[in-house]
């Protein structure tokens, strides 16, 4: 089977982001964004998605983390889309429920070619350390817009914002893993249309 590896870069006046992904890796993450909590979340995607992920981002953190987090989402989406290619032979749909102590989250993804995000995560507090958890939605919005997927993210329970975020990202990683799994029985696009 051909390797599903891609690299993308995005440079703006606000950020400089580079992402490399191997969708058939072992879950190795190399992350440098200047945002330790965000890197912790991205590491969950790599580990539980069983993909190798390298992210390097320089952003205007003196302003705040918004542009960096959003642009990482954009470039991650572009990179995943390139690595997946025509989507032939993949599962297309993926879902996962992940608990962490009192927190429970669900992620459901469809590599439909249609970007859409439903995001229901009522965080117990606004920040984890000095990281504004509102920015996590911007990451997912950037991802779905550029990977061209439909993604539903729901935190079903949780009283600890760190646990809530971690379950969201673990579930996201596992949903990606399921959707991107190759089906050895077919090389068709998983759609009655014949294309995605």
N, C-alpha and C. Protein backbone atom coordinates (compact mmCIF):
# COMPACT_ATOMS: atom_id res chain seq x y z
N UNK A 1 0.85 -1.19 0.00
CA UNK A 1 0.00 0.00 0.00
C UNK A 1 0.89 1.25 0.00
N UNK A 2 0.53 2.24 -0.78
CA UNK A 2 1.35 3.46 -0.80
C UNK A 2 1.31 4.19 0.54
N UNK A 3 2.44 4.80 0.88
CA UNK A 3 2.53 5.55 2.13
C UNK A 3 1.61 6.76 2.07
N UNK A 4 0.98 7.05 3.20
CA UNK A 4 0.10 8.22 3.29
C UNK A 4 0.79 9.27 4.16
N UNK A 5 1.70 9.99 3.51
CA UNK A 5 2.54 10.97 4.19
C UNK A 5 2.41 12.29 3.43
N UNK A 6 2.32 13.38 4.18
CA UNK A 6 2.25 14.69 3.53
C UNK A 6 2.88 15.74 4.44
N UNK A 7 3.34 16.82 3.82
CA UNK A 7 3.91 17.96 4.53
C UNK A 7 3.30 19.23 3.94
N UNK A 8 2.92 20.15 4.81
CA UNK A 8 2.39 21.44 4.34
C UNK A 8 2.95 22.56 5.21
N UNK A 9 3.07 23.74 4.59
CA UNK A 9 3.53 24.94 5.30
C UNK A 9 2.55 26.07 5.04
N UNK A 10 2.44 26.96 6.01
CA UNK A 10 1.62 28.17 5.84
C UNK A 10 2.34 29.30 6.56
N UNK A 11 2.65 30.35 5.80
CA UNK A 11 3.30 31.52 6.38
C UNK A 11 2.41 32.74 6.15
N UNK A 12 2.09 33.44 7.23
CA UNK A 12 1.34 34.69 7.14
C UNK A 12 2.08 35.75 7.94
N UNK A 13 1.52 36.93 8.01
CA UNK A 13 2.12 37.98 8.83
C UNK A 13 1.98 37.68 10.32
N UNK A 14 1.12 36.69 10.66
CA UNK A 14 0.87 36.35 12.07
C UNK A 14 1.54 35.06 12.50
N UNK A 15 1.70 34.11 11.58
CA UNK A 15 2.23 32.80 11.96
C UNK A 15 3.10 32.20 10.86
N UNK A 16 3.89 31.23 11.25
CA UNK A 16 4.64 30.38 10.33
C UNK A 16 4.48 28.95 10.84
N UNK A 17 3.71 28.15 10.12
CA UNK A 17 3.34 26.81 10.58
C UNK A 17 3.78 25.77 9.57
N UNK A 18 4.39 24.69 10.06
CA UNK A 18 4.75 23.55 9.22
C UNK A 18 4.22 22.29 9.90
N UNK A 19 3.59 21.42 9.10
CA UNK A 19 3.04 20.17 9.62
C UNK A 19 3.45 19.04 8.70
N UNK A 20 3.87 17.94 9.31
CA UNK A 20 4.12 16.69 8.58
C UNK A 20 3.32 15.60 9.26
N UNK A 21 2.64 14.78 8.45
CA UNK A 21 1.84 13.70 9.01
C UNK A 21 2.09 12.42 8.24
N UNK A 22 2.18 11.32 8.98
CA UNK A 22 2.20 9.97 8.42
C UNK A 22 1.01 9.25 9.02
N UNK A 23 -0.03 9.08 8.22
CA UNK A 23 -1.27 8.51 8.73
C UNK A 23 -1.12 7.06 9.15
N UNK A 24 -0.06 6.40 8.71
CA UNK A 24 0.16 5.00 9.05
C UNK A 24 1.37 4.84 9.96
N UNK A 25 1.60 5.84 10.79
CA UNK A 25 2.75 5.82 11.70
C UNK A 25 2.45 5.05 12.98
N UNK A 26 3.26 5.34 13.98
CA UNK A 26 3.13 4.64 15.25
C UNK A 26 2.66 5.50 16.40
N UNK A 27 2.28 6.73 16.12
CA UNK A 27 1.80 7.60 17.19
C UNK A 27 2.86 8.52 17.76
N UNK A 28 3.92 8.77 17.00
CA UNK A 28 5.01 9.61 17.47
C UNK A 28 4.70 11.08 17.18
N UNK A 29 4.90 11.93 18.18
CA UNK A 29 4.64 13.37 18.01
C UNK A 29 5.89 14.17 18.29
N UNK A 30 6.19 15.11 17.39
CA UNK A 30 7.26 16.09 17.59
C UNK A 30 6.59 17.45 17.46
N UNK A 31 6.49 18.17 18.57
CA UNK A 31 5.65 19.36 18.62
C UNK A 31 6.40 20.54 19.18
N UNK A 32 6.33 21.67 18.48
CA UNK A 32 6.96 22.90 18.95
C UNK A 32 6.08 24.07 18.54
N UNK A 33 5.21 24.51 19.44
CA UNK A 33 4.29 25.60 19.15
C UNK A 33 4.43 26.78 20.12
N UNK A 34 5.18 26.57 21.19
CA UNK A 34 5.24 27.59 22.23
C UNK A 34 4.06 27.55 23.17
N UNK A 35 3.19 26.55 23.02
CA UNK A 35 1.98 26.41 23.83
C UNK A 35 1.93 25.00 24.42
N UNK A 36 2.49 24.80 25.60
CA UNK A 36 2.62 23.45 26.15
C UNK A 36 1.31 22.68 26.28
N UNK A 37 0.24 23.33 26.73
CA UNK A 37 -1.02 22.61 26.87
C UNK A 37 -1.56 22.18 25.51
N UNK A 38 -1.46 23.05 24.52
CA UNK A 38 -1.90 22.71 23.17
C UNK A 38 -1.08 21.54 22.62
N UNK A 39 0.21 21.55 22.87
CA UNK A 39 1.05 20.43 22.44
C UNK A 39 0.62 19.13 23.12
N UNK A 40 0.25 19.22 24.38
CA UNK A 40 -0.26 18.05 25.09
C UNK A 40 -1.49 17.50 24.38
N UNK A 41 -2.37 18.37 23.92
CA UNK A 41 -3.57 17.93 23.20
C UNK A 41 -3.22 17.33 21.84
N UNK A 42 -2.33 17.97 21.09
CA UNK A 42 -1.92 17.43 19.80
C UNK A 42 -1.25 16.07 19.95
N UNK A 43 -0.52 15.91 21.03
CA UNK A 43 0.10 14.62 21.31
C UNK A 43 -0.92 13.51 21.48
N UNK A 44 -2.08 13.84 22.03
CA UNK A 44 -3.15 12.86 22.17
C UNK A 44 -3.66 12.41 20.80
N UNK A 45 -3.77 13.36 19.87
CA UNK A 45 -4.24 13.02 18.52
C UNK A 45 -3.28 12.05 17.87
N UNK A 46 -1.98 12.33 17.96
CA UNK A 46 -0.99 11.44 17.36
C UNK A 46 -1.03 10.06 18.00
N UNK A 47 -1.00 10.02 19.31
CA UNK A 47 -0.94 8.73 20.02
C UNK A 47 -2.18 7.89 19.78
N UNK A 48 -3.34 8.50 19.94
CA UNK A 48 -4.58 7.72 19.83
C UNK A 48 -5.06 7.59 18.39
N UNK A 49 -4.57 8.45 17.52
CA UNK A 49 -4.84 8.31 16.09
C UNK A 49 -3.85 7.39 15.40
N UNK A 50 -2.81 6.96 16.11
CA UNK A 50 -1.75 6.11 15.58
C UNK A 50 -1.15 6.71 14.31
N UNK A 51 -0.94 8.03 14.36
CA UNK A 51 -0.28 8.71 13.25
C UNK A 51 0.96 9.41 13.78
N UNK A 52 1.96 9.53 12.95
CA UNK A 52 3.12 10.32 13.31
C UNK A 52 2.82 11.77 12.92
N UNK A 53 3.09 12.67 13.85
CA UNK A 53 2.72 14.07 13.65
C UNK A 53 3.86 14.97 14.07
N UNK A 54 4.28 15.83 13.14
CA UNK A 54 5.29 16.83 13.45
C UNK A 54 4.68 18.21 13.20
N UNK A 55 4.70 19.05 14.22
CA UNK A 55 4.15 20.40 14.09
C UNK A 55 5.18 21.39 14.60
N UNK A 56 5.49 22.37 13.76
CA UNK A 56 6.34 23.49 14.15
C UNK A 56 5.56 24.76 13.87
N UNK A 57 5.41 25.59 14.90
CA UNK A 57 4.63 26.82 14.71
C UNK A 57 5.28 27.97 15.46
N UNK A 58 5.43 29.07 14.75
CA UNK A 58 5.86 30.33 15.36
C UNK A 58 4.73 31.33 15.12
N UNK A 59 4.23 31.90 16.19
CA UNK A 59 3.11 32.82 16.05
C UNK A 59 3.26 34.05 16.90
N UNK A 60 2.31 34.94 16.76
CA UNK A 60 2.32 36.20 17.50
C UNK A 60 1.76 36.00 18.91
N UNK A 61 2.46 35.18 19.68
CA UNK A 61 2.00 34.83 21.02
C UNK A 61 2.01 36.02 21.96
N UNK A 62 2.73 37.07 21.60
CA UNK A 62 2.70 38.29 22.42
C UNK A 62 1.32 38.94 22.36
N UNK A 63 0.58 38.67 21.27
CA UNK A 63 -0.80 39.15 21.17
C UNK A 63 -1.69 38.21 21.96
N UNK A 64 -1.79 36.97 21.50
CA UNK A 64 -2.38 35.85 22.22
C UNK A 64 -2.17 34.61 21.37
N UNK A 65 -2.76 33.49 21.77
CA UNK A 65 -2.50 32.22 21.09
C UNK A 65 -3.47 31.95 19.95
N UNK A 66 -4.42 32.83 19.71
CA UNK A 66 -5.50 32.55 18.76
C UNK A 66 -4.98 32.20 17.37
N UNK A 67 -4.14 33.04 16.79
CA UNK A 67 -3.69 32.82 15.42
C UNK A 67 -2.88 31.53 15.30
N UNK A 68 -2.07 31.25 16.31
CA UNK A 68 -1.24 30.04 16.27
C UNK A 68 -2.11 28.80 16.30
N UNK A 69 -3.07 28.74 17.22
CA UNK A 69 -3.92 27.56 17.35
C UNK A 69 -4.77 27.37 16.10
N UNK A 70 -5.37 28.44 15.62
CA UNK A 70 -6.21 28.35 14.42
C UNK A 70 -5.40 27.91 13.22
N UNK A 71 -4.22 28.49 13.03
CA UNK A 71 -3.42 28.16 11.85
C UNK A 71 -2.85 26.75 11.91
N UNK A 72 -2.56 26.25 13.11
CA UNK A 72 -2.17 24.84 13.21
C UNK A 72 -3.33 23.96 12.77
N UNK A 73 -4.55 24.30 13.16
CA UNK A 73 -5.71 23.55 12.70
C UNK A 73 -5.85 23.57 11.19
N UNK A 74 -5.65 24.74 10.60
CA UNK A 74 -5.73 24.88 9.14
C UNK A 74 -4.71 23.98 8.45
N UNK A 75 -3.47 24.07 8.88
CA UNK A 75 -2.40 23.33 8.20
C UNK A 75 -2.52 21.83 8.48
N UNK A 76 -2.94 21.47 9.69
CA UNK A 76 -3.18 20.05 9.97
C UNK A 76 -4.27 19.51 9.05
N UNK A 77 -5.33 20.27 8.86
CA UNK A 77 -6.39 19.85 7.94
C UNK A 77 -5.89 19.70 6.52
N UNK A 78 -5.11 20.66 6.04
CA UNK A 78 -4.56 20.58 4.68
C UNK A 78 -3.66 19.36 4.52
N UNK A 79 -2.87 19.09 5.55
CA UNK A 79 -1.92 17.98 5.48
C UNK A 79 -2.63 16.64 5.50
N UNK A 80 -3.63 16.50 6.35
CA UNK A 80 -4.40 15.25 6.38
C UNK A 80 -5.10 15.04 5.05
N UNK A 81 -5.71 16.10 4.50
CA UNK A 81 -6.39 15.97 3.20
C UNK A 81 -5.43 15.51 2.12
N UNK A 82 -4.23 16.07 2.10
CA UNK A 82 -3.25 15.66 1.09
C UNK A 82 -2.82 14.22 1.28
N UNK A 83 -2.60 13.81 2.53
CA UNK A 83 -2.16 12.45 2.81
C UNK A 83 -3.23 11.42 2.45
N UNK A 84 -4.49 11.77 2.68
CA UNK A 84 -5.59 10.84 2.38
C UNK A 84 -5.80 10.70 0.88
N UNK A 85 -5.60 11.78 0.15
CA UNK A 85 -5.75 11.73 -1.30
C UNK A 85 -7.20 11.54 -1.71
N UNK A 86 -7.45 10.59 -2.60
CA UNK A 86 -8.80 10.38 -3.15
C UNK A 86 -9.74 9.64 -2.20
N UNK A 87 -9.23 9.23 -1.05
CA UNK A 87 -10.03 8.56 -0.01
C UNK A 87 -10.51 7.17 -0.42
N UNK A 88 -9.87 6.60 -1.40
CA UNK A 88 -10.26 5.26 -1.85
C UNK A 88 -9.82 4.23 -0.81
N UNK A 89 -10.75 3.34 -0.49
CA UNK A 89 -10.41 2.23 0.40
C UNK A 89 -10.38 2.57 1.87
N UNK A 90 -10.82 3.78 2.27
CA UNK A 90 -10.83 4.11 3.69
C UNK A 90 -12.22 3.83 4.27
N UNK A 91 -12.30 3.80 5.60
CA UNK A 91 -13.58 3.58 6.26
C UNK A 91 -14.54 4.74 6.11
N UNK A 92 -14.02 5.93 5.96
CA UNK A 92 -14.75 7.20 5.81
C UNK A 92 -15.30 7.72 7.12
N UNK A 93 -16.04 6.90 7.86
CA UNK A 93 -16.66 7.32 9.11
C UNK A 93 -15.85 6.80 10.30
N UNK A 94 -15.77 7.62 11.33
CA UNK A 94 -15.13 7.17 12.55
C UNK A 94 -15.80 7.79 13.76
N UNK A 95 -15.80 7.06 14.86
CA UNK A 95 -16.40 7.58 16.08
C UNK A 95 -15.67 7.00 17.29
N UNK A 96 -15.74 7.73 18.38
CA UNK A 96 -15.12 7.24 19.62
C UNK A 96 -15.73 7.96 20.81
N UNK A 97 -15.88 7.22 21.88
CA UNK A 97 -16.18 7.76 23.20
C UNK A 97 -14.94 7.54 24.04
N UNK A 98 -14.50 8.58 24.76
CA UNK A 98 -13.31 8.45 25.61
C UNK A 98 -13.60 9.07 26.98
N UNK A 99 -13.38 8.30 28.06
CA UNK A 99 -13.51 8.84 29.41
C UNK A 99 -12.14 9.20 29.99
N UNK A 100 -12.14 10.09 30.92
CA UNK A 100 -10.99 10.33 31.80
C UNK A 100 -11.56 10.76 33.14
N UNK A 101 -11.49 9.86 34.10
CA UNK A 101 -12.09 10.10 35.41
C UNK A 101 -13.56 10.52 35.24
N UNK A 102 -13.91 11.73 35.66
CA UNK A 102 -15.31 12.17 35.62
C UNK A 102 -15.74 12.67 34.25
N UNK A 103 -14.80 12.87 33.33
CA UNK A 103 -15.11 13.46 32.02
C UNK A 103 -15.34 12.38 30.97
N UNK A 104 -16.23 12.69 30.04
CA UNK A 104 -16.55 11.77 28.94
C UNK A 104 -16.85 12.60 27.70
N UNK A 105 -16.17 12.27 26.60
CA UNK A 105 -16.39 12.99 25.35
C UNK A 105 -16.58 12.03 24.19
N UNK A 106 -17.24 12.54 23.16
CA UNK A 106 -17.52 11.77 21.94
C UNK A 106 -17.07 12.59 20.74
N UNK A 107 -16.47 11.92 19.77
CA UNK A 107 -16.13 12.54 18.49
C UNK A 107 -16.61 11.63 17.37
N UNK A 108 -17.22 12.24 16.36
CA UNK A 108 -17.70 11.50 15.19
C UNK A 108 -17.26 12.28 13.96
N UNK A 109 -16.60 11.58 13.02
CA UNK A 109 -16.06 12.25 11.84
C UNK A 109 -16.50 11.54 10.58
N UNK A 110 -16.71 12.31 9.53
CA UNK A 110 -17.07 11.81 8.21
C UNK A 110 -16.19 12.51 7.18
N UNK A 111 -15.37 11.75 6.48
CA UNK A 111 -14.52 12.31 5.42
C UNK A 111 -15.37 12.48 4.15
N UNK A 112 -16.34 13.36 4.26
CA UNK A 112 -17.40 13.52 3.27
C UNK A 112 -17.02 14.44 2.12
N UNK A 113 -16.02 15.27 2.31
CA UNK A 113 -15.72 16.32 1.34
C UNK A 113 -16.49 17.59 1.62
N UNK A 114 -17.32 17.57 2.67
CA UNK A 114 -18.13 18.74 3.04
C UNK A 114 -17.72 19.20 4.44
N UNK A 115 -17.15 20.39 4.55
CA UNK A 115 -16.73 20.86 5.87
C UNK A 115 -17.92 21.25 6.74
N UNK A 116 -17.92 20.75 7.97
CA UNK A 116 -18.96 21.12 8.93
C UNK A 116 -18.52 20.75 10.33
N UNK A 117 -18.80 21.64 11.26
CA UNK A 117 -18.41 21.39 12.65
C UNK A 117 -19.60 21.62 13.57
N UNK A 118 -19.89 20.62 14.40
CA UNK A 118 -20.79 20.77 15.53
C UNK A 118 -19.94 20.55 16.77
N UNK A 119 -19.85 21.56 17.63
CA UNK A 119 -18.91 21.54 18.76
C UNK A 119 -19.66 21.96 20.01
N UNK A 120 -19.87 21.01 20.90
CA UNK A 120 -20.60 21.26 22.14
C UNK A 120 -19.71 20.84 23.31
N UNK A 121 -18.91 21.77 23.78
CA UNK A 121 -17.96 21.48 24.87
C UNK A 121 -18.10 22.58 25.93
N UNK A 122 -18.94 22.34 26.93
CA UNK A 122 -19.14 23.34 28.00
C UNK A 122 -18.05 23.22 29.07
N UNK A 123 -16.94 23.88 28.83
CA UNK A 123 -15.81 23.77 29.75
C UNK A 123 -16.17 24.28 31.14
N UNK A 124 -15.64 23.60 32.13
CA UNK A 124 -15.91 23.96 33.53
C UNK A 124 -15.25 25.27 33.92
N UNK A 125 -14.18 25.63 33.24
CA UNK A 125 -13.55 26.93 33.45
C UNK A 125 -12.92 27.39 32.15
N UNK A 126 -12.57 28.66 32.09
CA UNK A 126 -12.16 29.27 30.83
C UNK A 126 -10.70 29.00 30.47
N UNK A 127 -9.89 28.63 31.43
CA UNK A 127 -8.46 28.47 31.15
C UNK A 127 -7.94 27.21 31.83
N UNK A 128 -6.98 26.59 31.17
CA UNK A 128 -6.17 25.55 31.80
C UNK A 128 -4.77 26.13 31.87
N UNK A 129 -4.32 26.42 33.09
CA UNK A 129 -3.09 27.19 33.23
C UNK A 129 -3.31 28.55 32.60
N UNK A 130 -2.46 28.91 31.64
CA UNK A 130 -2.64 30.19 30.95
C UNK A 130 -3.21 30.00 29.54
N UNK A 131 -3.74 28.80 29.25
CA UNK A 131 -4.28 28.52 27.93
C UNK A 131 -5.80 28.73 27.93
N UNK A 132 -6.28 29.54 26.99
CA UNK A 132 -7.69 29.84 26.84
C UNK A 132 -8.36 28.69 26.07
N UNK A 133 -9.22 27.93 26.75
CA UNK A 133 -9.80 26.74 26.12
C UNK A 133 -10.77 27.09 24.99
N UNK A 134 -11.25 28.33 24.90
CA UNK A 134 -12.08 28.73 23.76
C UNK A 134 -11.35 28.53 22.43
N UNK A 135 -10.03 28.59 22.47
CA UNK A 135 -9.26 28.48 21.24
C UNK A 135 -9.30 27.09 20.64
N UNK A 136 -9.66 26.09 21.43
CA UNK A 136 -9.70 24.73 20.90
C UNK A 136 -10.76 24.60 19.80
N UNK A 137 -11.85 25.34 19.94
CA UNK A 137 -12.86 25.33 18.88
C UNK A 137 -12.27 25.88 17.58
N UNK A 138 -11.40 26.89 17.69
CA UNK A 138 -10.79 27.46 16.49
C UNK A 138 -9.89 26.44 15.79
N UNK A 139 -9.21 25.60 16.57
CA UNK A 139 -8.41 24.53 15.99
C UNK A 139 -9.29 23.59 15.17
N UNK A 140 -10.40 23.15 15.77
CA UNK A 140 -11.26 22.21 15.06
C UNK A 140 -11.93 22.85 13.85
N UNK A 141 -12.30 24.13 13.95
CA UNK A 141 -12.90 24.81 12.80
C UNK A 141 -11.90 24.91 11.65
N UNK A 142 -10.67 25.26 11.96
CA UNK A 142 -9.64 25.30 10.92
C UNK A 142 -9.42 23.93 10.30
N UNK A 143 -9.42 22.90 11.14
CA UNK A 143 -9.22 21.54 10.63
C UNK A 143 -10.33 21.13 9.68
N UNK A 144 -11.61 21.27 10.09
CA UNK A 144 -12.70 20.78 9.24
C UNK A 144 -12.78 21.57 7.93
N UNK A 145 -12.51 22.87 7.99
CA UNK A 145 -12.58 23.68 6.77
C UNK A 145 -11.58 23.22 5.72
N UNK A 146 -10.42 22.77 6.16
CA UNK A 146 -9.35 22.46 5.22
C UNK A 146 -9.16 20.97 4.98
N UNK A 147 -9.57 20.12 5.90
CA UNK A 147 -9.60 18.68 5.62
C UNK A 147 -10.87 18.32 4.88
N UNK A 148 -11.85 19.23 4.89
CA UNK A 148 -13.15 19.03 4.25
C UNK A 148 -13.84 17.79 4.81
N UNK A 149 -14.01 17.82 6.13
CA UNK A 149 -14.70 16.74 6.84
C UNK A 149 -15.86 17.33 7.64
N UNK A 150 -16.79 16.47 7.98
CA UNK A 150 -17.81 16.81 8.97
C UNK A 150 -17.37 16.22 10.29
N UNK A 151 -17.42 17.04 11.35
CA UNK A 151 -16.95 16.60 12.66
C UNK A 151 -17.94 17.05 13.73
N UNK A 152 -18.35 16.10 14.54
CA UNK A 152 -19.17 16.39 15.71
C UNK A 152 -18.34 16.09 16.95
N UNK A 153 -18.21 17.07 17.83
CA UNK A 153 -17.45 16.93 19.07
C UNK A 153 -18.37 17.31 20.22
N UNK A 154 -18.54 16.39 21.16
CA UNK A 154 -19.43 16.63 22.30
C UNK A 154 -18.75 16.18 23.58
N UNK A 155 -18.66 17.09 24.54
CA UNK A 155 -18.28 16.69 25.89
C UNK A 155 -19.57 16.39 26.64
N UNK A 156 -19.73 15.15 27.05
CA UNK A 156 -20.98 14.69 27.65
C UNK A 156 -21.01 14.89 29.16
N UNK A 157 -19.83 14.82 29.78
CA UNK A 157 -19.71 15.01 31.22
C UNK A 157 -18.34 15.59 31.52
N UNK A 158 -18.24 16.31 32.61
CA UNK A 158 -16.92 16.77 33.03
C UNK A 158 -16.98 17.94 33.97
N UNK A 159 -16.12 17.91 34.98
CA UNK A 159 -16.02 18.99 35.95
C UNK A 159 -14.63 19.60 35.98
N UNK A 160 -13.69 18.98 35.27
CA UNK A 160 -12.30 19.42 35.23
C UNK A 160 -11.97 19.77 33.78
N UNK A 161 -11.64 21.02 33.51
CA UNK A 161 -11.43 21.47 32.13
C UNK A 161 -10.29 20.73 31.43
N UNK A 162 -9.25 20.40 32.18
CA UNK A 162 -8.15 19.63 31.58
C UNK A 162 -8.66 18.27 31.13
N UNK A 163 -9.41 17.60 31.99
CA UNK A 163 -9.95 16.29 31.63
C UNK A 163 -10.91 16.40 30.45
N UNK A 164 -11.73 17.44 30.43
CA UNK A 164 -12.66 17.62 29.32
C UNK A 164 -11.90 17.76 28.00
N UNK A 165 -10.90 18.63 27.97
CA UNK A 165 -10.13 18.83 26.75
C UNK A 165 -9.40 17.56 26.33
N UNK A 166 -8.84 16.86 27.30
CA UNK A 166 -8.08 15.66 26.96
C UNK A 166 -8.98 14.58 26.37
N UNK A 167 -10.19 14.42 26.93
CA UNK A 167 -11.09 13.42 26.37
C UNK A 167 -11.52 13.82 24.96
N UNK A 168 -11.72 15.10 24.72
CA UNK A 168 -12.09 15.57 23.38
C UNK A 168 -11.00 15.21 22.38
N UNK A 169 -9.75 15.48 22.69
CA UNK A 169 -8.68 15.24 21.74
C UNK A 169 -8.36 13.76 21.58
N UNK A 170 -8.48 12.99 22.65
CA UNK A 170 -8.30 11.54 22.52
C UNK A 170 -9.40 10.94 21.64
N UNK A 171 -10.64 11.37 21.86
CA UNK A 171 -11.74 10.86 21.05
C UNK A 171 -11.57 11.26 19.59
N UNK A 172 -11.14 12.49 19.36
CA UNK A 172 -10.87 12.96 18.00
C UNK A 172 -9.82 12.09 17.32
N UNK A 173 -8.73 11.81 18.02
CA UNK A 173 -7.68 10.97 17.46
C UNK A 173 -8.19 9.57 17.12
N UNK A 174 -8.96 8.99 18.02
CA UNK A 174 -9.46 7.64 17.78
C UNK A 174 -10.50 7.62 16.65
N UNK A 175 -11.31 8.66 16.55
CA UNK A 175 -12.27 8.74 15.44
C UNK A 175 -11.54 8.86 14.10
N UNK A 176 -10.49 9.67 14.06
CA UNK A 176 -9.68 9.76 12.84
C UNK A 176 -9.09 8.40 12.48
N UNK A 177 -8.57 7.73 13.47
CA UNK A 177 -7.96 6.41 13.24
C UNK A 177 -8.96 5.45 12.59
N UNK A 178 -10.18 5.43 13.10
CA UNK A 178 -11.20 4.54 12.53
C UNK A 178 -11.56 4.96 11.11
N UNK A 179 -11.79 6.25 10.90
CA UNK A 179 -12.23 6.73 9.59
C UNK A 179 -11.16 6.51 8.52
N UNK A 180 -9.90 6.62 8.91
CA UNK A 180 -8.81 6.54 7.96
C UNK A 180 -8.26 5.12 7.77
N UNK A 181 -8.80 4.17 8.55
CA UNK A 181 -8.34 2.79 8.42
C UNK A 181 -8.63 2.28 7.02
N UNK A 182 -7.67 1.58 6.46
CA UNK A 182 -7.84 1.02 5.13
C UNK A 182 -8.63 -0.28 5.20
N UNK A 183 -9.54 -0.44 4.28
CA UNK A 183 -10.33 -1.67 4.17
C UNK A 183 -9.71 -2.52 3.07
N UNK A 184 -9.09 -3.66 3.44
CA UNK A 184 -8.39 -4.45 2.42
C UNK A 184 -9.33 -5.08 1.39
N UNK A 185 -10.63 -5.01 1.64
CA UNK A 185 -11.58 -5.64 0.71
C UNK A 185 -11.94 -4.75 -0.47
N UNK A 186 -11.54 -3.47 -0.42
CA UNK A 186 -11.97 -2.56 -1.49
C UNK A 186 -10.95 -1.46 -1.73
N UNK A 187 -10.96 -0.95 -2.93
CA UNK A 187 -10.18 0.24 -3.27
C UNK A 187 -11.10 1.31 -3.83
N UNK A 188 -12.39 1.19 -3.55
CA UNK A 188 -13.37 2.15 -4.03
C UNK A 188 -13.49 3.32 -3.06
N UNK A 189 -14.03 4.42 -3.57
CA UNK A 189 -14.42 5.52 -2.69
C UNK A 189 -15.65 5.08 -1.90
N UNK A 190 -15.67 5.29 -0.59
CA UNK A 190 -16.79 4.83 0.23
C UNK A 190 -18.01 5.73 0.12
N UNK A 191 -18.60 5.73 -1.07
CA UNK A 191 -19.78 6.55 -1.34
C UNK A 191 -20.55 5.96 -2.51
N UNK A 192 -21.88 6.03 -2.46
CA UNK A 192 -22.67 5.57 -3.59
C UNK A 192 -22.47 6.47 -4.81
N UNK A 193 -21.91 7.68 -4.59
CA UNK A 193 -21.61 8.56 -5.71
C UNK A 193 -20.38 8.10 -6.49
N UNK A 194 -19.54 7.30 -5.84
CA UNK A 194 -18.31 6.85 -6.47
C UNK A 194 -17.13 7.76 -6.23
N UNK A 195 -17.38 8.97 -5.70
CA UNK A 195 -16.32 9.92 -5.37
C UNK A 195 -16.69 10.62 -4.08
N UNK A 196 -15.68 11.16 -3.42
CA UNK A 196 -15.89 11.99 -2.23
C UNK A 196 -15.12 13.28 -2.42
